[in-house]
mmCIF file of all heavy atoms, coordinates in Angstrom:
data_MODEL
# 
_entry.id   MODEL 
# 
loop_
_atom_site.group_PDB 
_atom_site.id 
_atom_site.type_symbol 
_atom_site.label_atom_id 
_atom_site.label_alt_id 
_atom_site.label_comp_id 
_atom_site.label_asym_id 
_atom_site.label_entity_id 
_atom_site.label_seq_id 
_atom_site.pdbx_PDB_ins_code 
_atom_site.Cartn_x 
_atom_site.Cartn_y 
_atom_site.Cartn_z 
_atom_site.occupancy 
_atom_site.B_iso_or_equiv 
_atom_site.pdbx_formal_charge 
_atom_site.auth_seq_id 
_atom_site.auth_comp_id 
_atom_site.auth_asym_id 
_atom_site.auth_atom_id 
_atom_site.pdbx_PDB_model_num 
ATOM 1   N N   . PRO A 1 1  ? -36.685 -105.781 -53.594 1.00 0.00 ? 1  PRO A N   1 
ATOM 2   C CA  . PRO A 1 1  ? -37.489 -104.794 -52.858 1.00 0.00 ? 1  PRO A CA  1 
ATOM 3   C C   . PRO A 1 1  ? -37.849 -105.237 -51.443 1.00 0.00 ? 1  PRO A C   1 
ATOM 4   O O   . PRO A 1 1  ? -37.914 -104.404 -50.529 1.00 0.00 ? 1  PRO A O   1 
ATOM 5   C CB  . PRO A 1 1  ? -38.747 -104.645 -53.722 1.00 0.00 ? 1  PRO A CB  1 
ATOM 6   C CG  . PRO A 1 1  ? -38.281 -104.970 -55.106 1.00 0.00 ? 1  PRO A CG  1 
ATOM 7   C CD  . PRO A 1 1  ? -37.274 -106.082 -54.916 1.00 0.00 ? 1  PRO A CD  1 
ATOM 8   N N   . THR A 1 2  ? -38.059 -106.547 -51.237 1.00 0.00 ? 2  THR A N   1 
ATOM 9   C CA  . THR A 1 2  ? -38.379 -107.043 -49.894 1.00 0.00 ? 2  THR A CA  1 
ATOM 10  C C   . THR A 1 2  ? -37.211 -106.791 -48.954 1.00 0.00 ? 2  THR A C   1 
ATOM 11  O O   . THR A 1 2  ? -37.384 -106.248 -47.846 1.00 0.00 ? 2  THR A O   1 
ATOM 12  C CB  . THR A 1 2  ? -38.706 -108.545 -49.947 1.00 0.00 ? 2  THR A CB  1 
ATOM 13  O OG1 . THR A 1 2  ? -39.811 -108.753 -50.830 1.00 0.00 ? 2  THR A OG1 1 
ATOM 14  C CG2 . THR A 1 2  ? -39.065 -109.058 -48.567 1.00 0.00 ? 2  THR A CG2 1 
ATOM 15  N N   . ASP A 1 3  ? -36.008 -107.172 -49.390 1.00 0.00 ? 3  ASP A N   1 
ATOM 16  C CA  . ASP A 1 3  ? -34.819 -106.953 -48.565 1.00 0.00 ? 3  ASP A CA  1 
ATOM 17  C C   . ASP A 1 3  ? -34.563 -105.470 -48.349 1.00 0.00 ? 3  ASP A C   1 
ATOM 18  O O   . ASP A 1 3  ? -34.220 -105.033 -47.244 1.00 0.00 ? 3  ASP A O   1 
ATOM 19  C CB  . ASP A 1 3  ? -33.589 -107.592 -49.227 1.00 0.00 ? 3  ASP A CB  1 
ATOM 20  C CG  . ASP A 1 3  ? -33.715 -109.100 -49.344 1.00 0.00 ? 3  ASP A CG  1 
ATOM 21  O OD1 . ASP A 1 3  ? -34.476 -109.687 -48.555 1.00 0.00 ? 3  ASP A OD1 1 
ATOM 22  O OD2 . ASP A 1 3  ? -33.063 -109.678 -50.227 1.00 0.00 ? 3  ASP A OD2 1 
ATOM 23  N N   . PHE A 1 4  ? -34.732 -104.698 -49.412 1.00 0.00 ? 4  PHE A N   1 
ATOM 24  C CA  . PHE A 1 4  ? -34.447 -103.269 -49.361 1.00 0.00 ? 4  PHE A CA  1 
ATOM 25  C C   . PHE A 1 4  ? -35.367 -102.558 -48.369 1.00 0.00 ? 4  PHE A C   1 
ATOM 26  O O   . PHE A 1 4  ? -34.907 -101.850 -47.472 1.00 0.00 ? 4  PHE A O   1 
ATOM 27  C CB  . PHE A 1 4  ? -34.606 -102.665 -50.759 1.00 0.00 ? 4  PHE A CB  1 
ATOM 28  C CG  . PHE A 1 4  ? -34.410 -101.181 -50.811 1.00 0.00 ? 4  PHE A CG  1 
ATOM 29  C CD1 . PHE A 1 4  ? -33.141 -100.629 -50.900 1.00 0.00 ? 4  PHE A CD1 1 
ATOM 30  C CD2 . PHE A 1 4  ? -35.501 -100.321 -50.784 1.00 0.00 ? 4  PHE A CD2 1 
ATOM 31  C CE1 . PHE A 1 4  ? -32.955 -99.254  -50.942 1.00 0.00 ? 4  PHE A CE1 1 
ATOM 32  C CE2 . PHE A 1 4  ? -35.332 -98.955  -50.828 1.00 0.00 ? 4  PHE A CE2 1 
ATOM 33  C CZ  . PHE A 1 4  ? -34.053 -98.412  -50.912 1.00 0.00 ? 4  PHE A CZ  1 
ATOM 34  N N   . PHE A 1 5  ? -36.652 -102.733 -48.532 1.00 0.00 ? 5  PHE A N   1 
ATOM 35  C CA  . PHE A 1 5  ? -37.606 -102.011 -47.697 1.00 0.00 ? 5  PHE A CA  1 
ATOM 36  C C   . PHE A 1 5  ? -37.605 -102.516 -46.250 1.00 0.00 ? 5  PHE A C   1 
ATOM 37  O O   . PHE A 1 5  ? -37.817 -101.733 -45.321 1.00 0.00 ? 5  PHE A O   1 
ATOM 38  C CB  . PHE A 1 5  ? -39.008 -102.083 -48.290 1.00 0.00 ? 5  PHE A CB  1 
ATOM 39  C CG  . PHE A 1 5  ? -39.169 -101.260 -49.541 1.00 0.00 ? 5  PHE A CG  1 
ATOM 40  C CD1 . PHE A 1 5  ? -39.654 -101.837 -50.712 1.00 0.00 ? 5  PHE A CD1 1 
ATOM 41  C CD2 . PHE A 1 5  ? -38.840 -99.917  -49.559 1.00 0.00 ? 5  PHE A CD2 1 
ATOM 42  C CE1 . PHE A 1 5  ? -39.810 -101.083 -51.862 1.00 0.00 ? 5  PHE A CE1 1 
ATOM 43  C CE2 . PHE A 1 5  ? -38.979 -99.152  -50.706 1.00 0.00 ? 5  PHE A CE2 1 
ATOM 44  C CZ  . PHE A 1 5  ? -39.467 -99.738  -51.864 1.00 0.00 ? 5  PHE A CZ  1 
ATOM 45  N N   . ASP A 1 6  ? -37.356 -103.806 -46.052 1.00 0.00 ? 6  ASP A N   1 
ATOM 46  C CA  . ASP A 1 6  ? -37.307 -104.334 -44.684 1.00 0.00 ? 6  ASP A CA  1 
ATOM 47  C C   . ASP A 1 6  ? -36.243 -103.628 -43.854 1.00 0.00 ? 6  ASP A C   1 
ATOM 48  O O   . ASP A 1 6  ? -36.425 -103.393 -42.651 1.00 0.00 ? 6  ASP A O   1 
ATOM 49  C CB  . ASP A 1 6  ? -37.025 -105.842 -44.712 1.00 0.00 ? 6  ASP A CB  1 
ATOM 50  C CG  . ASP A 1 6  ? -38.277 -106.664 -44.990 1.00 0.00 ? 6  ASP A CG  1 
ATOM 51  O OD1 . ASP A 1 6  ? -39.374 -106.071 -44.993 1.00 0.00 ? 6  ASP A OD1 1 
ATOM 52  O OD2 . ASP A 1 6  ? -38.154 -107.882 -45.201 1.00 0.00 ? 6  ASP A OD2 1 
ATOM 53  N N   . THR A 1 7  ? -35.126 -103.303 -44.494 1.00 0.00 ? 7  THR A N   1 
ATOM 54  C CA  . THR A 1 7  ? -34.012 -102.698 -43.751 1.00 0.00 ? 7  THR A CA  1 
ATOM 55  C C   . THR A 1 7  ? -33.995 -101.178 -43.825 1.00 0.00 ? 7  THR A C   1 
ATOM 56  O O   . THR A 1 7  ? -33.391 -100.527 -42.958 1.00 0.00 ? 7  THR A O   1 
ATOM 57  C CB  . THR A 1 7  ? -32.672 -103.227 -44.295 1.00 0.00 ? 7  THR A CB  1 
ATOM 58  O OG1 . THR A 1 7  ? -32.564 -102.924 -45.699 1.00 0.00 ? 7  THR A OG1 1 
ATOM 59  C CG2 . THR A 1 7  ? -32.571 -104.728 -44.104 1.00 0.00 ? 7  THR A CG2 1 
ATOM 60  N N   . PHE A 1 8  ? -34.656 -100.611 -44.815 1.00 0.00 ? 8  PHE A N   1 
ATOM 61  C CA  . PHE A 1 8  ? -34.479 -99.181  -45.074 1.00 0.00 ? 8  PHE A CA  1 
ATOM 62  C C   . PHE A 1 8  ? -35.665 -98.306  -44.682 1.00 0.00 ? 8  PHE A C   1 
ATOM 63  O O   . PHE A 1 8  ? -35.505 -97.102  -44.468 1.00 0.00 ? 8  PHE A O   1 
ATOM 64  C CB  . PHE A 1 8  ? -34.159 -98.973  -46.558 1.00 0.00 ? 8  PHE A CB  1 
ATOM 65  C CG  . PHE A 1 8  ? -33.612 -97.614  -46.889 1.00 0.00 ? 8  PHE A CG  1 
ATOM 66  C CD1 . PHE A 1 8  ? -32.689 -96.977  -46.066 1.00 0.00 ? 8  PHE A CD1 1 
ATOM 67  C CD2 . PHE A 1 8  ? -34.012 -96.944  -48.045 1.00 0.00 ? 8  PHE A CD2 1 
ATOM 68  C CE1 . PHE A 1 8  ? -32.169 -95.725  -46.381 1.00 0.00 ? 8  PHE A CE1 1 
ATOM 69  C CE2 . PHE A 1 8  ? -33.501 -95.701  -48.366 1.00 0.00 ? 8  PHE A CE2 1 
ATOM 70  C CZ  . PHE A 1 8  ? -32.574 -95.086  -47.534 1.00 0.00 ? 8  PHE A CZ  1 
ATOM 71  N N   . VAL A 1 9  ? -36.843 -98.873  -44.572 1.00 0.00 ? 9  VAL A N   1 
ATOM 72  C CA  . VAL A 1 9  ? -38.025 -98.060  -44.258 1.00 0.00 ? 9  VAL A CA  1 
ATOM 73  C C   . VAL A 1 9  ? -37.869 -97.275  -42.954 1.00 0.00 ? 9  VAL A C   1 
ATOM 74  O O   . VAL A 1 9  ? -38.237 -96.089  -42.897 1.00 0.00 ? 9  VAL A O   1 
ATOM 75  C CB  . VAL A 1 9  ? -39.308 -98.927  -44.245 1.00 0.00 ? 9  VAL A CB  1 
ATOM 76  C CG1 . VAL A 1 9  ? -40.447 -98.216  -43.509 1.00 0.00 ? 9  VAL A CG1 1 
ATOM 77  C CG2 . VAL A 1 9  ? -39.748 -99.232  -45.677 1.00 0.00 ? 9  VAL A CG2 1 
ATOM 78  N N   . PRO A 1 10 ? -37.310 -97.852  -41.890 1.00 0.00 ? 10 PRO A N   1 
ATOM 79  C CA  . PRO A 1 10 ? -37.125 -97.037  -40.672 1.00 0.00 ? 10 PRO A CA  1 
ATOM 80  C C   . PRO A 1 10 ? -36.263 -95.794  -40.915 1.00 0.00 ? 10 PRO A C   1 
ATOM 81  O O   . PRO A 1 10 ? -36.559 -94.722  -40.371 1.00 0.00 ? 10 PRO A O   1 
ATOM 82  C CB  . PRO A 1 10 ? -36.446 -98.016  -39.705 1.00 0.00 ? 10 PRO A CB  1 
ATOM 83  C CG  . PRO A 1 10 ? -36.912 -99.356  -40.154 1.00 0.00 ? 10 PRO A CG  1 
ATOM 84  C CD  . PRO A 1 10 ? -36.962 -99.267  -41.650 1.00 0.00 ? 10 PRO A CD  1 
ATOM 85  N N   . ASP A 1 11 ? -35.220 -95.926  -41.721 1.00 0.00 ? 11 ASP A N   1 
ATOM 86  C CA  . ASP A 1 11 ? -34.379 -94.768  -42.048 1.00 0.00 ? 11 ASP A CA  1 
ATOM 87  C C   . ASP A 1 11 ? -35.149 -93.757  -42.889 1.00 0.00 ? 11 ASP A C   1 
ATOM 88  O O   . ASP A 1 11 ? -34.977 -92.547  -42.731 1.00 0.00 ? 11 ASP A O   1 
ATOM 89  C CB  . ASP A 1 11 ? -33.121 -95.208  -42.801 1.00 0.00 ? 11 ASP A CB  1 
ATOM 90  C CG  . ASP A 1 11 ? -32.064 -95.767  -41.867 1.00 0.00 ? 11 ASP A CG  1 
ATOM 91  O OD1 . ASP A 1 11 ? -32.118 -95.462  -40.665 1.00 0.00 ? 11 ASP A OD1 1 
ATOM 92  O OD2 . ASP A 1 11 ? -31.193 -96.504  -42.346 1.00 0.00 ? 11 ASP A OD2 1 
ATOM 93  N N   . LEU A 1 12 ? -35.972 -94.253  -43.801 1.00 0.00 ? 12 LEU A N   1 
ATOM 94  C CA  . LEU A 1 12 ? -36.782 -93.352  -44.628 1.00 0.00 ? 12 LEU A CA  1 
ATOM 95  C C   . LEU A 1 12 ? -37.721 -92.529  -43.751 1.00 0.00 ? 12 LEU A C   1 
ATOM 96  O O   . LEU A 1 12 ? -37.859 -91.314  -43.931 1.00 0.00 ? 12 LEU A O   1 
ATOM 97  C CB  . LEU A 1 12 ? -37.574 -94.152  -45.662 1.00 0.00 ? 12 LEU A CB  1 
ATOM 98  C CG  . LEU A 1 12 ? -36.758 -94.825  -46.774 1.00 0.00 ? 12 LEU A CG  1 
ATOM 99  C CD1 . LEU A 1 12 ? -37.665 -95.695  -47.641 1.00 0.00 ? 12 LEU A CD1 1 
ATOM 100 C CD2 . LEU A 1 12 ? -36.058 -93.785  -47.637 1.00 0.00 ? 12 LEU A CD2 1 
ATOM 101 N N   . ILE A 1 13 ? -38.355 -93.179  -42.810 1.00 0.00 ? 13 ILE A N   1 
ATOM 102 C CA  . ILE A 1 13 ? -39.267 -92.480  -41.902 1.00 0.00 ? 13 ILE A CA  1 
ATOM 103 C C   . ILE A 1 13 ? -38.489 -91.474  -41.057 1.00 0.00 ? 13 ILE A C   1 
ATOM 104 O O   . ILE A 1 13 ? -38.934 -90.336  -40.847 1.00 0.00 ? 13 ILE A O   1 
ATOM 105 C CB  . ILE A 1 13 ? -40.019 -93.494  -41.017 1.00 0.00 ? 13 ILE A CB  1 
ATOM 106 C CG1 . ILE A 1 13 ? -40.927 -94.378  -41.889 1.00 0.00 ? 13 ILE A CG1 1 
ATOM 107 C CG2 . ILE A 1 13 ? -40.824 -92.772  -39.948 1.00 0.00 ? 13 ILE A CG2 1 
ATOM 108 C CD1 . ILE A 1 13 ? -41.562 -95.527  -41.138 1.00 0.00 ? 13 ILE A CD1 1 
ATOM 109 N N   . LYS A 1 14 ? -37.322 -91.877  -40.592 1.00 0.00 ? 14 LYS A N   1 
ATOM 110 C CA  . LYS A 1 14 ? -36.479 -90.987  -39.786 1.00 0.00 ? 14 LYS A CA  1 
ATOM 111 C C   . LYS A 1 14 ? -36.135 -89.717  -40.550 1.00 0.00 ? 14 LYS A C   1 
ATOM 112 O O   . LYS A 1 14 ? -36.083 -88.621  -39.972 1.00 0.00 ? 14 LYS A O   1 
ATOM 113 C CB  . LYS A 1 14 ? -35.198 -91.722  -39.382 1.00 0.00 ? 14 LYS A CB  1 
ATOM 114 C CG  . LYS A 1 14 ? -34.206 -90.880  -38.601 1.00 0.00 ? 14 LYS A CG  1 
ATOM 115 C CD  . LYS A 1 14 ? -32.957 -91.687  -38.280 1.00 0.00 ? 14 LYS A CD  1 
ATOM 116 C CE  . LYS A 1 14 ? -31.914 -90.816  -37.590 1.00 0.00 ? 14 LYS A CE  1 
ATOM 117 N NZ  . LYS A 1 14 ? -30.675 -91.601  -37.292 1.00 0.00 ? 14 LYS A NZ  1 
ATOM 118 N N   . HIS A 1 15 ? -35.905 -89.841  -41.869 1.00 0.00 ? 15 HIS A N   1 
ATOM 119 C CA  . HIS A 1 15 ? -35.544 -88.686  -42.687 1.00 0.00 ? 15 HIS A CA  1 
ATOM 120 C C   . HIS A 1 15 ? -36.757 -88.081  -43.406 1.00 0.00 ? 15 HIS A C   1 
ATOM 121 O O   . HIS A 1 15 ? -36.590 -87.246  -44.294 1.00 0.00 ? 15 HIS A O   1 
ATOM 122 C CB  . HIS A 1 15 ? -34.478 -89.083  -43.710 1.00 0.00 ? 15 HIS A CB  1 
ATOM 123 C CG  . HIS A 1 15 ? -33.124 -89.312  -43.096 1.00 0.00 ? 15 HIS A CG  1 
ATOM 124 N ND1 . HIS A 1 15 ? -32.725 -90.550  -42.608 1.00 0.00 ? 15 HIS A ND1 1 
ATOM 125 C CD2 . HIS A 1 15 ? -32.084 -88.463  -42.854 1.00 0.00 ? 15 HIS A CD2 1 
ATOM 126 C CE1 . HIS A 1 15 ? -31.506 -90.456  -42.123 1.00 0.00 ? 15 HIS A CE1 1 
ATOM 127 N NE2 . HIS A 1 15 ? -31.093 -89.207  -42.254 1.00 0.00 ? 15 HIS A NE2 1 
ATOM 128 N N   . ASN A 1 16 ? -37.971 -88.530  -43.023 1.00 0.00 ? 16 ASN A N   1 
ATOM 129 C CA  . ASN A 1 16 ? -39.212 -87.953  -43.543 1.00 0.00 ? 16 ASN A CA  1 
ATOM 130 C C   . ASN A 1 16 ? -39.342 -88.140  -45.050 1.00 0.00 ? 16 ASN A C   1 
ATOM 131 O O   . ASN A 1 16 ? -39.852 -87.270  -45.768 1.00 0.00 ? 16 ASN A O   1 
ATOM 132 C CB  . ASN A 1 16 ? -39.286 -86.452  -43.196 1.00 0.00 ? 16 ASN A CB  1 
ATOM 133 C CG  . ASN A 1 16 ? -40.697 -85.895  -43.300 1.00 0.00 ? 16 ASN A CG  1 
ATOM 134 O OD1 . ASN A 1 16 ? -41.680 -86.620  -43.115 1.00 0.00 ? 16 ASN A OD1 1 
ATOM 135 N ND2 . ASN A 1 16 ? -40.810 -84.606  -43.601 1.00 0.00 ? 16 ASN A ND2 1 
ATOM 136 N N   . VAL A 1 17 ? -38.872 -89.279  -45.567 1.00 0.00 ? 17 VAL A N   1 
ATOM 137 C CA  . VAL A 1 17 ? -38.914 -89.583  -47.001 1.00 0.00 ? 17 VAL A CA  1 
ATOM 138 C C   . VAL A 1 17 ? -40.084 -90.514  -47.298 1.00 0.00 ? 17 VAL A C   1 
ATOM 139 O O   . VAL A 1 17 ? -40.251 -91.546  -46.639 1.00 0.00 ? 17 VAL A O   1 
ATOM 140 C CB  . VAL A 1 17 ? -37.594 -90.230  -47.467 1.00 0.00 ? 17 VAL A CB  1 
ATOM 141 C CG1 . VAL A 1 17 ? -37.693 -90.684  -48.926 1.00 0.00 ? 17 VAL A CG1 1 
ATOM 142 C CG2 . VAL A 1 17 ? -36.433 -89.252  -47.292 1.00 0.00 ? 17 VAL A CG2 1 
ATOM 143 N N   . ARG A 1 18 ? -40.867 -90.141  -48.282 1.00 0.00 ? 18 ARG A N   1 
ATOM 144 C CA  . ARG A 1 18 ? -42.034 -90.951  -48.673 1.00 0.00 ? 18 ARG A CA  1 
ATOM 145 C C   . ARG A 1 18 ? -41.721 -91.780  -49.910 1.00 0.00 ? 18 ARG A C   1 
ATOM 146 O O   . ARG A 1 18 ? -41.110 -91.294  -50.859 1.00 0.00 ? 18 ARG A O   1 
ATOM 147 C CB  . ARG A 1 18 ? -43.238 -90.039  -48.945 1.00 0.00 ? 18 ARG A CB  1 
ATOM 148 C CG  . ARG A 1 18 ? -44.505 -90.793  -49.381 1.00 0.00 ? 18 ARG A CG  1 
ATOM 149 C CD  . ARG A 1 18 ? -45.707 -89.876  -49.411 1.00 0.00 ? 18 ARG A CD  1 
ATOM 150 N NE  . ARG A 1 18 ? -45.625 -88.844  -50.429 1.00 0.00 ? 18 ARG A NE  1 
ATOM 151 C CZ  . ARG A 1 18 ? -45.975 -89.010  -51.713 1.00 0.00 ? 18 ARG A CZ  1 
ATOM 152 N NH1 . ARG A 1 18 ? -46.428 -90.186  -52.134 1.00 0.00 ? 18 ARG A NH1 1 
ATOM 153 N NH2 . ARG A 1 18 ? -45.874 -88.001  -52.557 1.00 0.00 ? 18 ARG A NH2 1 
ATOM 154 N N   . VAL A 1 19 ? -42.164 -93.029  -49.909 1.00 0.00 ? 19 VAL A N   1 
ATOM 155 C CA  . VAL A 1 19 ? -41.943 -93.930  -51.040 1.00 0.00 ? 19 VAL A CA  1 
ATOM 156 C C   . VAL A 1 19 ? -43.109 -93.854  -52.013 1.00 0.00 ? 19 VAL A C   1 
ATOM 157 O O   . VAL A 1 19 ? -44.280 -93.857  -51.620 1.00 0.00 ? 19 VAL A O   1 
ATOM 158 C CB  . VAL A 1 19 ? -41.774 -95.391  -50.560 1.00 0.00 ? 19 VAL A CB  1 
ATOM 159 C CG1 . VAL A 1 19 ? -41.749 -96.356  -51.748 1.00 0.00 ? 19 VAL A CG1 1 
ATOM 160 C CG2 . VAL A 1 19 ? -40.506 -95.534  -49.735 1.00 0.00 ? 19 VAL A CG2 1 
ATOM 161 N N   . ASN A 1 20 ? -42.774 -93.772  -53.304 1.00 0.00 ? 20 ASN A N   1 
ATOM 162 C CA  . ASN A 1 20 ? -43.763 -93.878  -54.368 1.00 0.00 ? 20 ASN A CA  1 
ATOM 163 C C   . ASN A 1 20 ? -43.198 -94.847  -55.408 1.00 0.00 ? 20 ASN A C   1 
ATOM 164 O O   . ASN A 1 20 ? -41.981 -94.934  -55.595 1.00 0.00 ? 20 ASN A O   1 
ATOM 165 C CB  . ASN A 1 20 ? -44.031 -92.518  -55.014 1.00 0.00 ? 20 ASN A CB  1 
ATOM 166 C CG  . ASN A 1 20 ? -45.164 -92.578  -56.017 1.00 0.00 ? 20 ASN A CG  1 
ATOM 167 O OD1 . ASN A 1 20 ? -46.320 -92.753  -55.640 1.00 0.00 ? 20 ASN A OD1 1 
ATOM 168 N ND2 . ASN A 1 20 ? -44.857 -92.438  -57.301 1.00 0.00 ? 20 ASN A ND2 1 
ATOM 169 N N   . VAL A 1 21 ? -44.065 -95.603  -56.034 1.00 0.00 ? 21 VAL A N   1 
ATOM 170 C CA  . VAL A 1 21 ? -43.618 -96.545  -57.069 1.00 0.00 ? 21 VAL A CA  1 
ATOM 171 C C   . VAL A 1 21 ? -44.506 -96.388  -58.286 1.00 0.00 ? 21 VAL A C   1 
ATOM 172 O O   . VAL A 1 21 ? -45.740 -96.387  -58.177 1.00 0.00 ? 21 VAL A O   1 
ATOM 173 C CB  . VAL A 1 21 ? -43.678 -98.002  -56.562 1.00 0.00 ? 21 VAL A CB  1 
ATOM 174 C CG1 . VAL A 1 21 ? -43.202 -98.961  -57.661 1.00 0.00 ? 21 VAL A CG1 1 
ATOM 175 C CG2 . VAL A 1 21 ? -42.809 -98.170  -55.319 1.00 0.00 ? 21 VAL A CG2 1 
ATOM 176 N N   . MET A 1 22 ? -43.882 -96.235  -59.444 1.00 0.00 ? 22 MET A N   1 
ATOM 177 C CA  . MET A 1 22 ? -44.642 -96.149  -60.691 1.00 0.00 ? 22 MET A CA  1 
ATOM 178 C C   . MET A 1 22 ? -44.194 -97.261  -61.632 1.00 0.00 ? 22 MET A C   1 
ATOM 179 O O   . MET A 1 22 ? -43.034 -97.684  -61.601 1.00 0.00 ? 22 MET A O   1 
ATOM 180 C CB  . MET A 1 22 ? -44.462 -94.783  -61.347 1.00 0.00 ? 22 MET A CB  1 
ATOM 181 C CG  . MET A 1 22 ? -43.078 -94.495  -61.858 1.00 0.00 ? 22 MET A CG  1 
ATOM 182 S SD  . MET A 1 22 ? -42.986 -92.856  -62.620 1.00 0.00 ? 22 MET A SD  1 
ATOM 183 C CE  . MET A 1 22 ? -41.388 -92.978  -63.442 1.00 0.00 ? 22 MET A CE  1 
ATOM 184 N N   . GLY A 1 23 ? -45.120 -97.735  -62.428 1.00 0.00 ? 23 GLY A N   1 
ATOM 185 C CA  . GLY A 1 23 ? -44.837 -98.824  -63.344 1.00 0.00 ? 23 GLY A CA  1 
ATOM 186 C C   . GLY A 1 23 ? -46.018 -99.786  -63.344 1.00 0.00 ? 23 GLY A C   1 
ATOM 187 O O   . GLY A 1 23 ? -47.062 -99.525  -62.727 1.00 0.00 ? 23 GLY A O   1 
ATOM 188 N N   . TYR A 1 24 ? -45.841 -100.896 -64.029 1.00 0.00 ? 24 TYR A N   1 
ATOM 189 C CA  . TYR A 1 24 ? -46.920 -101.879 -64.135 1.00 0.00 ? 24 TYR A CA  1 
ATOM 190 C C   . TYR A 1 24 ? -46.771 -102.866 -62.970 1.00 0.00 ? 24 TYR A C   1 
ATOM 191 O O   . TYR A 1 24 ? -46.359 -104.021 -63.131 1.00 0.00 ? 24 TYR A O   1 
ATOM 192 C CB  . TYR A 1 24 ? -46.867 -102.552 -65.511 1.00 0.00 ? 24 TYR A CB  1 
ATOM 193 C CG  . TYR A 1 24 ? -47.095 -101.538 -66.610 1.00 0.00 ? 24 TYR A CG  1 
ATOM 194 C CD1 . TYR A 1 24 ? -46.030 -100.877 -67.198 1.00 0.00 ? 24 TYR A CD1 1 
ATOM 195 C CD2 . TYR A 1 24 ? -48.393 -101.191 -66.995 1.00 0.00 ? 24 TYR A CD2 1 
ATOM 196 C CE1 . TYR A 1 24 ? -46.233 -99.911  -68.177 1.00 0.00 ? 24 TYR A CE1 1 
ATOM 197 C CE2 . TYR A 1 24 ? -48.611 -100.223 -67.967 1.00 0.00 ? 24 TYR A CE2 1 
ATOM 198 C CZ  . TYR A 1 24 ? -47.531 -99.581  -68.546 1.00 0.00 ? 24 TYR A CZ  1 
ATOM 199 O OH  . TYR A 1 24 ? -47.748 -98.617  -69.509 1.00 0.00 ? 24 TYR A OH  1 
ATOM 200 N N   . ILE A 1 25 ? -47.144 -102.366 -61.793 1.00 0.00 ? 25 ILE A N   1 
ATOM 201 C CA  . ILE A 1 25 ? -46.921 -103.098 -60.542 1.00 0.00 ? 25 ILE A CA  1 
ATOM 202 C C   . ILE A 1 25 ? -47.731 -104.392 -60.505 1.00 0.00 ? 25 ILE A C   1 
ATOM 203 O O   . ILE A 1 25 ? -47.287 -105.387 -59.931 1.00 0.00 ? 25 ILE A O   1 
ATOM 204 C CB  . ILE A 1 25 ? -47.279 -102.212 -59.325 1.00 0.00 ? 25 ILE A CB  1 
ATOM 205 C CG1 . ILE A 1 25 ? -46.585 -100.847 -59.430 1.00 0.00 ? 25 ILE A CG1 1 
ATOM 206 C CG2 . ILE A 1 25 ? -46.898 -102.913 -58.031 1.00 0.00 ? 25 ILE A CG2 1 
ATOM 207 C CD1 . ILE A 1 25 ? -45.087 -100.922 -59.547 1.00 0.00 ? 25 ILE A CD1 1 
ATOM 208 N N   . ASP A 1 26 ? -48.904 -104.387 -61.121 1.00 0.00 ? 26 ASP A N   1 
ATOM 209 C CA  . ASP A 1 26 ? -49.774 -105.564 -61.072 1.00 0.00 ? 26 ASP A CA  1 
ATOM 210 C C   . ASP A 1 26 ? -49.182 -106.758 -61.813 1.00 0.00 ? 26 ASP A C   1 
ATOM 211 O O   . ASP A 1 26 ? -49.663 -107.885 -61.661 1.00 0.00 ? 26 ASP A O   1 
ATOM 212 C CB  . ASP A 1 26 ? -51.156 -105.225 -61.634 1.00 0.00 ? 26 ASP A CB  1 
ATOM 213 C CG  . ASP A 1 26 ? -51.105 -104.735 -63.070 1.00 0.00 ? 26 ASP A CG  1 
ATOM 214 O OD1 . ASP A 1 26 ? -50.053 -104.222 -63.488 1.00 0.00 ? 26 ASP A OD1 1 
ATOM 215 O OD2 . ASP A 1 26 ? -52.123 -104.856 -63.789 1.00 0.00 ? 26 ASP A OD2 1 
ATOM 216 N N   . GLN A 1 27 ? -48.131 -106.526 -62.600 1.00 0.00 ? 27 GLN A N   1 
ATOM 217 C CA  . GLN A 1 27 ? -47.491 -107.624 -63.335 1.00 0.00 ? 27 GLN A CA  1 
ATOM 218 C C   . GLN A 1 27 ? -46.333 -108.243 -62.550 1.00 0.00 ? 27 GLN A C   1 
ATOM 219 O O   . GLN A 1 27 ? -45.704 -109.202 -63.005 1.00 0.00 ? 27 GLN A O   1 
ATOM 220 C CB  . GLN A 1 27 ? -46.976 -107.113 -64.684 1.00 0.00 ? 27 GLN A CB  1 
ATOM 221 C CG  . GLN A 1 27 ? -48.071 -106.596 -65.604 1.00 0.00 ? 27 GLN A CG  1 
ATOM 222 C CD  . GLN A 1 27 ? -47.515 -105.963 -66.873 1.00 0.00 ? 27 GLN A CD  1 
ATOM 223 O OE1 . GLN A 1 27 ? -46.317 -106.040 -67.149 1.00 0.00 ? 27 GLN A OE1 1 
ATOM 224 N NE2 . GLN A 1 27 ? -48.381 -105.342 -67.656 1.00 0.00 ? 27 GLN A NE2 1 
# 
């Protein structure tokens, strides 16, 4: 996820895409 979001978040913003994550994130 670190590698993915570091490189992809600018493209997501460019295409107006919002990130959501579900699951037991605290683990």
